[in-house]
Protein backbone atom coordinates (compact mmCIF):
# COMPACT_ATOMS: atom_id res chain seq x y z
CA MET A 1 -5.62 12.53 -32.51
CA ALA A 2 -7.02 10.37 -29.71
CA THR A 3 -6.96 6.60 -29.54
CA ALA A 4 -9.58 4.63 -27.62
CA ALA A 5 -10.64 1.01 -27.28
CA ALA A 6 -14.00 -0.14 -28.60
CA GLY A 7 -16.85 1.17 -26.46
CA VAL A 8 -14.64 3.70 -24.68
CA LYS A 9 -15.09 7.41 -25.26
CA SER A 10 -12.14 9.38 -26.57
CA PRO A 11 -10.75 11.90 -24.09
CA PRO A 12 -11.96 15.49 -24.52
CA SER A 13 -8.84 16.85 -26.21
CA ASP A 14 -6.90 17.05 -29.46
CA ALA A 15 -3.77 15.91 -27.63
CA LEU A 16 -2.15 12.52 -28.16
CA TRP A 17 -3.86 10.53 -25.43
CA VAL A 18 -3.53 6.74 -25.62
CA PHE A 19 -6.07 4.47 -23.94
CA VAL A 20 -4.75 2.57 -20.91
CA PRO A 21 -6.71 -0.35 -19.42
CA ASN A 22 -8.20 0.85 -16.15
CA ASN A 23 -7.83 -2.56 -14.48
CA GLN A 24 -4.08 -2.02 -14.01
CA LEU A 25 -3.08 -1.56 -10.38
CA GLU A 26 -1.03 1.54 -11.27
CA ILE A 27 -4.11 3.25 -12.74
CA GLN A 28 -6.27 2.52 -9.68
CA GLU A 29 -3.45 3.79 -7.43
CA LEU A 30 -3.28 7.03 -9.44
CA GLY A 31 -7.03 7.45 -8.94
CA LYS A 32 -6.63 7.02 -5.18
CA PHE A 33 -3.76 9.51 -5.23
CA ALA A 34 -5.93 12.06 -7.06
CA VAL A 35 -8.72 11.78 -4.48
CA VAL A 36 -6.31 12.03 -1.53
CA GLU A 37 -4.66 15.12 -3.02
CA GLN A 38 -8.03 16.73 -3.74
CA ASN A 39 -9.12 16.10 -0.15
CA LYS A 40 -5.99 17.96 1.06
CA THR A 41 -7.01 21.17 -0.71
CA HIS A 42 -10.83 20.97 -0.52
CA PRO A 43 -13.00 19.97 2.45
CA TRP A 44 -15.01 17.47 0.40
CA GLU A 45 -13.93 14.29 2.22
CA LEU A 46 -14.21 12.21 -0.95
CA THR A 47 -13.91 8.42 -0.75
CA PHE A 48 -12.29 6.81 -3.79
CA SER A 49 -14.29 4.08 -5.55
CA ASP A 50 -12.58 3.27 -8.86
CA VAL A 51 -11.12 4.52 -12.13
CA TYR A 52 -13.41 3.46 -14.98
CA GLU A 53 -11.59 5.06 -17.96
CA SER A 54 -7.98 6.13 -18.37
CA TRP A 55 -5.57 7.54 -20.91
CA LYS A 56 -1.87 8.36 -20.94
CA MET A 57 0.15 11.06 -22.70
CA ILE A 58 3.92 10.67 -22.89
CA LEU A 59 5.61 14.01 -22.32
CA ALA A 60 9.02 15.08 -23.57
CA VAL A 61 11.98 12.95 -22.55
CA ASP A 62 12.86 13.35 -18.87
CA TYR A 63 9.49 14.92 -17.97
CA GLY A 64 7.30 11.86 -17.40
CA ASP A 65 3.70 11.07 -18.31
CA LEU A 66 0.27 12.63 -17.88
CA TYR A 67 -2.68 10.43 -16.99
CA LEU A 68 -6.26 11.44 -17.70
CA LEU A 69 -8.57 9.53 -15.36
CA HIS A 70 -12.33 9.25 -15.21
CA LEU A 71 -13.11 8.05 -11.73
CA LYS A 72 -15.89 7.66 -9.20
CA ALA A 73 -15.78 8.84 -5.61
CA LEU A 74 -18.33 9.04 -2.83
CA LYS A 75 -19.21 12.63 -1.86
CA ASP A 76 -21.72 13.21 0.94
CA GLY A 77 -23.14 9.71 0.45
CA VAL A 78 -23.56 10.10 -3.33
CA MET A 79 -21.36 8.50 -6.01
CA VAL A 80 -20.00 11.29 -8.26
CA ASN A 81 -17.95 11.13 -11.48
CA TYR A 82 -14.73 13.11 -11.65
CA GLN A 83 -12.02 13.79 -14.20
CA ALA A 84 -8.46 14.03 -12.88
CA ILE A 85 -5.15 14.66 -14.57
CA VAL A 86 -2.07 13.36 -12.77
CA TRP A 87 1.51 14.07 -13.79
CA VAL A 88 3.86 11.18 -13.01
CA LYS A 89 7.31 12.69 -13.23
CA ALA A 90 10.20 10.87 -14.85
CA GLU A 91 12.77 9.36 -12.51
CA GLY A 92 15.41 11.98 -11.86
CA TYR A 93 13.12 14.92 -12.70
CA CYS A 94 13.88 17.71 -10.25
CA GLY A 95 11.18 18.42 -7.71
CA PRO A 96 10.13 17.06 -4.33
CA GLU A 97 7.12 14.99 -5.43
CA PRO A 98 7.10 12.10 -7.95
CA LYS A 99 3.41 12.79 -8.76
CA THR A 100 1.35 15.95 -9.00
CA LEU A 101 -2.40 16.41 -9.28
CA VAL A 102 -2.77 18.80 -12.22
CA SER A 103 -6.58 19.09 -12.26
CA PHE A 104 -9.64 17.58 -10.61
CA LYS A 105 -13.25 18.39 -11.47
CA GLU A 106 -16.70 16.90 -11.63
CA PHE A 107 -17.34 15.09 -14.89
CA VAL A 108 -20.51 14.13 -16.73
CA PRO A 109 -19.89 10.99 -18.85
């Protein structure tokens, strides 16, 4: 079951995603993180613009949260929509990185 604010599309999943206002600094920072990480593994040279829709899924205790982000980034002079999933690990979760880019793909709203 998905929850979304009025006028906002539900995320494409049956999972328990909860709408998160995209004007929060943390959400915009996660969008920037997703673009930077994508640029590390693909020679796209994307430039982050903004996150325009976002949802959060709370994982099991001590694992952290998943964030589903719909964002815009400039690619070869053209603004393109993308969908990213970022895992923000719980404090104390073993592993070298506090955040991981789980997926990143073009998205048609």
